Amino acid sequence: MRVKTGVVRRRRHKKILKLARGFYSGRRKHFRKAKEQLERSMCYAFRDRKRKKRDFRRLWIIRINAACRINDISYSKFIYGLKLANIELDRKVLADMAITNPNSFSKIVQTIKTKL
């Protein structure tokens, strides 16, 4: 018995080649190369979705630290003071506040300094 996979194979290949659009040279035209590159690209995409969260948290901490140094307090004391003062703002909001609203950030620092 002979099984021909013309339609199935073409659909499978087209699906892979559609995902490989934008790749360079044979990596978008040849099925095998496209499939290999796509596997690698998907691994990078998965890894970097996790990495993105890490990188943004680092950026927020750097921004908060810079704003804290302007207000004469270290980052670690600032975070400890937030816990003591029961201020439940996350690092994303604090970093944004430090850049866009330095006056309100310094008010938060003042309340923290009284708690310390």
N, C-alpha and C. Protein backbone atom coordinates (compact mmCIF):
# COMPACT_ATOMS: atom_id res chain seq x y z
N MET A 1 0.84 -1.19 0.00
CA MET A 1 0.00 0.00 0.00
C MET A 1 0.88 1.25 0.00
N ARG A 2 0.54 2.21 -0.82
CA ARG A 2 1.37 3.41 -0.96
C ARG A 2 0.60 4.62 -0.45
N VAL A 3 1.25 5.40 0.43
CA VAL A 3 0.61 6.60 0.97
C VAL A 3 1.34 7.81 0.40
N LYS A 4 0.59 8.69 -0.25
CA LYS A 4 1.19 9.91 -0.78
C LYS A 4 0.84 11.07 0.16
N THR A 5 1.84 11.85 0.52
CA THR A 5 1.61 12.91 1.51
C THR A 5 1.67 14.30 0.87
N GLY A 6 1.25 14.42 -0.35
CA GLY A 6 1.37 15.68 -1.07
C GLY A 6 0.72 16.85 -0.35
N VAL A 7 -0.56 16.73 -0.05
CA VAL A 7 -1.29 17.85 0.55
C VAL A 7 -0.82 18.10 1.98
N VAL A 8 -0.65 17.03 2.74
CA VAL A 8 -0.25 17.15 4.15
C VAL A 8 1.14 17.77 4.25
N ARG A 9 2.05 17.27 3.42
CA ARG A 9 3.42 17.80 3.46
C ARG A 9 3.45 19.27 3.06
N ARG A 10 2.70 19.60 2.01
CA ARG A 10 2.69 20.99 1.55
C ARG A 10 2.15 21.92 2.63
N ARG A 11 1.09 21.50 3.32
CA ARG A 11 0.53 22.32 4.41
C ARG A 11 1.54 22.51 5.54
N ARG A 12 2.21 21.40 5.88
CA ARG A 12 3.21 21.46 6.96
C ARG A 12 4.36 22.39 6.57
N HIS A 13 4.83 22.26 5.35
CA HIS A 13 5.93 23.09 4.88
C HIS A 13 5.53 24.55 4.80
N LYS A 14 4.32 24.80 4.31
CA LYS A 14 3.85 26.19 4.18
C LYS A 14 3.73 26.85 5.55
N LYS A 15 3.30 26.06 6.54
CA LYS A 15 3.16 26.60 7.89
C LYS A 15 4.52 27.04 8.44
N ILE A 16 5.54 26.21 8.25
CA ILE A 16 6.89 26.52 8.71
C ILE A 16 7.45 27.71 7.94
N LEU A 17 7.30 27.70 6.61
CA LEU A 17 7.85 28.78 5.79
C LEU A 17 7.15 30.11 6.03
N LYS A 18 5.89 30.06 6.41
CA LYS A 18 5.18 31.29 6.75
C LYS A 18 5.76 31.90 8.02
N LEU A 19 6.08 31.06 9.00
CA LEU A 19 6.69 31.55 10.23
C LEU A 19 8.11 32.07 10.02
N ALA A 20 8.76 31.56 8.96
CA ALA A 20 10.16 31.92 8.69
C ALA A 20 10.28 33.17 7.82
N ARG A 21 9.19 33.87 7.60
CA ARG A 21 9.25 35.10 6.82
C ARG A 21 10.15 36.12 7.50
N GLY A 22 10.97 36.79 6.71
CA GLY A 22 11.87 37.79 7.28
C GLY A 22 13.24 37.26 7.61
N PHE A 23 13.42 35.95 7.55
CA PHE A 23 14.75 35.38 7.76
C PHE A 23 15.61 35.64 6.54
N TYR A 24 16.89 35.50 6.67
CA TYR A 24 17.84 35.84 5.63
C TYR A 24 18.11 34.64 4.72
N SER A 25 18.12 34.88 3.43
CA SER A 25 18.56 33.95 2.40
C SER A 25 17.79 32.62 2.44
N GLY A 26 18.51 31.48 2.46
CA GLY A 26 17.87 30.18 2.39
C GLY A 26 17.09 29.83 3.64
N ARG A 27 17.30 30.58 4.69
CA ARG A 27 16.58 30.29 5.94
C ARG A 27 15.10 30.62 5.84
N ARG A 28 14.73 31.35 4.82
CA ARG A 28 13.30 31.59 4.62
C ARG A 28 12.75 30.80 3.44
N LYS A 29 13.64 30.28 2.57
CA LYS A 29 13.19 29.63 1.34
C LYS A 29 13.20 28.11 1.41
N HIS A 30 14.19 27.55 2.07
CA HIS A 30 14.34 26.09 2.11
C HIS A 30 13.76 25.56 3.40
N PHE A 31 12.94 24.53 3.28
CA PHE A 31 12.21 24.02 4.43
C PHE A 31 13.11 23.59 5.57
N ARG A 32 14.13 22.80 5.28
CA ARG A 32 14.97 22.25 6.34
C ARG A 32 15.70 23.38 7.09
N LYS A 33 16.28 24.29 6.34
CA LYS A 33 17.00 25.41 6.96
C LYS A 33 16.03 26.28 7.76
N ALA A 34 14.85 26.50 7.20
CA ALA A 34 13.85 27.32 7.88
C ALA A 34 13.42 26.67 9.19
N LYS A 35 13.23 25.35 9.15
CA LYS A 35 12.79 24.64 10.35
C LYS A 35 13.86 24.69 11.44
N GLU A 36 15.13 24.50 11.03
CA GLU A 36 16.23 24.56 12.01
C GLU A 36 16.33 25.95 12.63
N GLN A 37 16.24 26.97 11.78
CA GLN A 37 16.35 28.34 12.28
C GLN A 37 15.16 28.69 13.17
N LEU A 38 13.99 28.19 12.81
CA LEU A 38 12.79 28.47 13.58
C LEU A 38 12.87 27.86 14.98
N GLU A 39 13.40 26.63 15.08
CA GLU A 39 13.58 26.00 16.39
C GLU A 39 14.47 26.86 17.27
N ARG A 40 15.57 27.31 16.69
CA ARG A 40 16.51 28.16 17.43
C ARG A 40 15.86 29.48 17.83
N SER A 41 15.12 30.08 16.89
CA SER A 41 14.48 31.37 17.15
C SER A 41 13.43 31.26 18.24
N MET A 42 12.68 30.16 18.23
CA MET A 42 11.66 29.96 19.25
C MET A 42 12.29 29.81 20.64
N CYS A 43 13.46 29.16 20.69
CA CYS A 43 14.17 29.03 21.97
C CYS A 43 14.58 30.40 22.48
N TYR A 44 15.13 31.22 21.57
CA TYR A 44 15.54 32.57 21.97
C TYR A 44 14.34 33.39 22.43
N ALA A 45 13.23 33.26 21.71
CA ALA A 45 12.04 34.03 22.06
C ALA A 45 11.53 33.65 23.44
N PHE A 46 11.50 32.35 23.74
CA PHE A 46 11.06 31.88 25.05
C PHE A 46 11.97 32.39 26.15
N ARG A 47 13.29 32.25 25.92
CA ARG A 47 14.28 32.68 26.90
C ARG A 47 14.17 34.19 27.15
N ASP A 48 14.02 34.95 26.07
CA ASP A 48 14.05 36.40 26.22
C ASP A 48 12.76 36.99 26.75
N ARG A 49 11.65 36.24 26.67
CA ARG A 49 10.44 36.72 27.35
C ARG A 49 10.65 36.71 28.85
N LYS A 50 11.40 35.72 29.34
CA LYS A 50 11.73 35.68 30.77
C LYS A 50 12.75 36.77 31.09
N ARG A 51 13.72 36.93 30.20
CA ARG A 51 14.82 37.87 30.39
C ARG A 51 14.32 39.31 30.46
N LYS A 52 13.29 39.61 29.68
CA LYS A 52 12.73 40.95 29.61
C LYS A 52 12.25 41.42 30.98
N LYS A 53 11.61 40.52 31.71
CA LYS A 53 11.12 40.86 33.04
C LYS A 53 12.28 41.20 33.97
N ARG A 54 13.35 40.40 33.87
CA ARG A 54 14.55 40.62 34.66
C ARG A 54 15.18 41.98 34.36
N ASP A 55 15.29 42.27 33.06
CA ASP A 55 15.94 43.51 32.63
C ASP A 55 15.17 44.74 33.08
N PHE A 56 13.85 44.68 32.97
CA PHE A 56 13.05 45.83 33.40
C PHE A 56 13.15 46.04 34.90
N ARG A 57 13.15 44.95 35.68
CA ARG A 57 13.29 45.09 37.13
C ARG A 57 14.62 45.75 37.47
N ARG A 58 15.70 45.34 36.79
CA ARG A 58 17.02 45.95 37.01
C ARG A 58 16.99 47.44 36.71
N LEU A 59 16.32 47.81 35.60
CA LEU A 59 16.22 49.21 35.22
C LEU A 59 15.47 50.02 36.27
N TRP A 60 14.36 49.47 36.75
CA TRP A 60 13.58 50.17 37.78
C TRP A 60 14.41 50.38 39.04
N ILE A 61 15.16 49.36 39.44
CA ILE A 61 15.98 49.47 40.65
C ILE A 61 17.05 50.54 40.46
N ILE A 62 17.67 50.60 39.29
CA ILE A 62 18.68 51.62 39.02
C ILE A 62 18.07 53.01 39.11
N ARG A 63 16.89 53.19 38.56
CA ARG A 63 16.23 54.50 38.59
C ARG A 63 15.84 54.91 40.01
N ILE A 64 15.30 53.95 40.76
CA ILE A 64 14.92 54.24 42.14
C ILE A 64 16.15 54.59 42.96
N ASN A 65 17.22 53.85 42.77
CA ASN A 65 18.47 54.09 43.49
C ASN A 65 19.00 55.49 43.21
N ALA A 66 18.97 55.90 41.93
CA ALA A 66 19.45 57.23 41.58
C ALA A 66 18.62 58.31 42.26
N ALA A 67 17.30 58.12 42.27
CA ALA A 67 16.42 59.10 42.92
C ALA A 67 16.63 59.11 44.43
N CYS A 68 16.91 57.94 45.01
CA CYS A 68 17.15 57.86 46.45
C CYS A 68 18.44 58.59 46.81
N ARG A 69 19.47 58.43 46.01
CA ARG A 69 20.76 59.09 46.28
C ARG A 69 20.61 60.61 46.25
N ILE A 70 19.75 61.11 45.36
CA ILE A 70 19.48 62.56 45.33
C ILE A 70 18.85 63.01 46.64
N ASN A 71 18.02 62.14 47.22
CA ASN A 71 17.33 62.45 48.47
C ASN A 71 18.08 61.97 49.72
N ASP A 72 19.35 61.65 49.57
CA ASP A 72 20.23 61.27 50.69
C ASP A 72 19.76 60.04 51.46
N ILE A 73 19.43 59.00 50.74
CA ILE A 73 19.09 57.73 51.37
C ILE A 73 19.54 56.61 50.43
N SER A 74 19.95 55.49 50.99
CA SER A 74 20.37 54.38 50.13
C SER A 74 19.14 53.58 49.69
N TYR A 75 19.32 52.81 48.64
CA TYR A 75 18.21 52.03 48.08
C TYR A 75 17.70 51.01 49.09
N SER A 76 18.63 50.33 49.76
CA SER A 76 18.22 49.27 50.69
C SER A 76 17.43 49.85 51.87
N LYS A 77 17.88 51.01 52.38
CA LYS A 77 17.13 51.65 53.48
C LYS A 77 15.77 52.13 53.00
N PHE A 78 15.72 52.58 51.76
CA PHE A 78 14.46 53.04 51.18
C PHE A 78 13.45 51.89 51.11
N ILE A 79 13.87 50.74 50.61
CA ILE A 79 12.97 49.59 50.50
C ILE A 79 12.55 49.10 51.88
N TYR A 80 13.50 49.09 52.82
CA TYR A 80 13.17 48.69 54.20
C TYR A 80 12.16 49.66 54.80
N GLY A 81 12.36 50.95 54.55
CA GLY A 81 11.43 51.97 55.04
C GLY A 81 10.05 51.84 54.43
N LEU A 82 9.99 51.44 53.18
CA LEU A 82 8.68 51.22 52.55
C LEU A 82 7.89 50.15 53.29
N LYS A 83 8.59 49.10 53.68
CA LYS A 83 7.92 48.02 54.42
C LYS A 83 7.47 48.49 55.80
N LEU A 84 8.32 49.28 56.46
CA LEU A 84 7.95 49.79 57.78
C LEU A 84 6.76 50.74 57.71
N ALA A 85 6.72 51.57 56.67
CA ALA A 85 5.67 52.57 56.53
C ALA A 85 4.40 51.99 55.89
N ASN A 86 4.41 50.71 55.57
CA ASN A 86 3.27 50.04 54.91
C ASN A 86 2.86 50.73 53.61
N ILE A 87 3.84 51.17 52.85
CA ILE A 87 3.58 51.75 51.53
C ILE A 87 3.73 50.63 50.52
N GLU A 88 2.64 50.26 49.87
CA GLU A 88 2.65 49.12 48.96
C GLU A 88 2.68 49.57 47.51
N LEU A 89 3.79 50.21 47.14
CA LEU A 89 4.01 50.58 45.74
C LEU A 89 5.11 49.68 45.19
N ASP A 90 4.89 49.16 43.99
CA ASP A 90 5.91 48.29 43.41
C ASP A 90 7.01 49.12 42.74
N ARG A 91 8.06 48.45 42.34
CA ARG A 91 9.24 49.13 41.80
C ARG A 91 8.93 49.84 40.48
N LYS A 92 8.02 49.29 39.70
CA LYS A 92 7.65 49.91 38.43
C LYS A 92 7.04 51.28 38.66
N VAL A 93 6.11 51.37 39.59
CA VAL A 93 5.44 52.64 39.90
C VAL A 93 6.43 53.62 40.53
N LEU A 94 7.26 53.12 41.44
CA LEU A 94 8.24 53.99 42.09
C LEU A 94 9.24 54.57 41.10
N ALA A 95 9.69 53.75 40.16
CA ALA A 95 10.65 54.22 39.15
C ALA A 95 10.01 55.28 38.26
N ASP A 96 8.76 55.07 37.88
CA ASP A 96 8.06 56.05 37.06
C ASP A 96 7.86 57.35 37.84
N MET A 97 7.52 57.21 39.10
CA MET A 97 7.33 58.38 39.95
C MET A 97 8.65 59.15 40.13
N ALA A 98 9.75 58.43 40.26
CA ALA A 98 11.05 59.07 40.45
C ALA A 98 11.42 59.93 39.25
N ILE A 99 11.01 59.51 38.05
CA ILE A 99 11.35 60.26 36.84
C ILE A 99 10.34 61.37 36.56
N THR A 100 9.06 61.03 36.57
CA THR A 100 8.04 61.99 36.15
C THR A 100 7.59 62.94 37.27
N ASN A 101 7.67 62.49 38.52
CA ASN A 101 7.16 63.26 39.64
C ASN A 101 8.16 63.28 40.80
N PRO A 102 9.29 63.94 40.67
CA PRO A 102 10.30 63.87 41.73
C PRO A 102 9.85 64.47 43.06
N ASN A 103 8.92 65.43 43.01
CA ASN A 103 8.44 66.04 44.26
C ASN A 103 7.67 65.04 45.11
N SER A 104 6.77 64.28 44.49
CA SER A 104 6.00 63.29 45.25
C SER A 104 6.92 62.15 45.72
N PHE A 105 7.94 61.83 44.92
CA PHE A 105 8.90 60.81 45.34
C PHE A 105 9.66 61.27 46.58
N SER A 106 10.05 62.55 46.60
CA SER A 106 10.77 63.06 47.78
C SER A 106 9.87 63.11 49.01
N LYS A 107 8.56 63.31 48.81
CA LYS A 107 7.62 63.26 49.94
C LYS A 107 7.57 61.85 50.52
N ILE A 108 7.56 60.85 49.64
CA ILE A 108 7.59 59.45 50.11
C ILE A 108 8.87 59.20 50.89
N VAL A 109 9.99 59.71 50.38
CA VAL A 109 11.28 59.53 51.08
C VAL A 109 11.23 60.18 52.46
N GLN A 110 10.60 61.34 52.56
CA GLN A 110 10.51 62.02 53.86
C GLN A 110 9.69 61.19 54.86
N THR A 111 8.56 60.60 54.40
CA THR A 111 7.77 59.77 55.30
C THR A 111 8.56 58.52 55.72
N ILE A 112 9.37 58.01 54.82
CA ILE A 112 10.18 56.84 55.14
C ILE A 112 11.26 57.20 56.16
N LYS A 113 11.86 58.37 55.99
CA LYS A 113 12.93 58.80 56.92
C LYS A 113 12.38 58.95 58.34
N THR A 114 11.11 59.39 58.46
CA THR A 114 10.54 59.49 59.81
C THR A 114 10.32 58.12 60.43
N LYS A 115 9.98 57.12 59.58
CA LYS A 115 9.77 55.77 60.11
C LYS A 115 11.08 55.11 60.51
N LEU A 116 12.18 55.46 59.82
CA LEU A 116 13.48 54.88 60.15
C LEU A 116 13.99 55.57 61.40
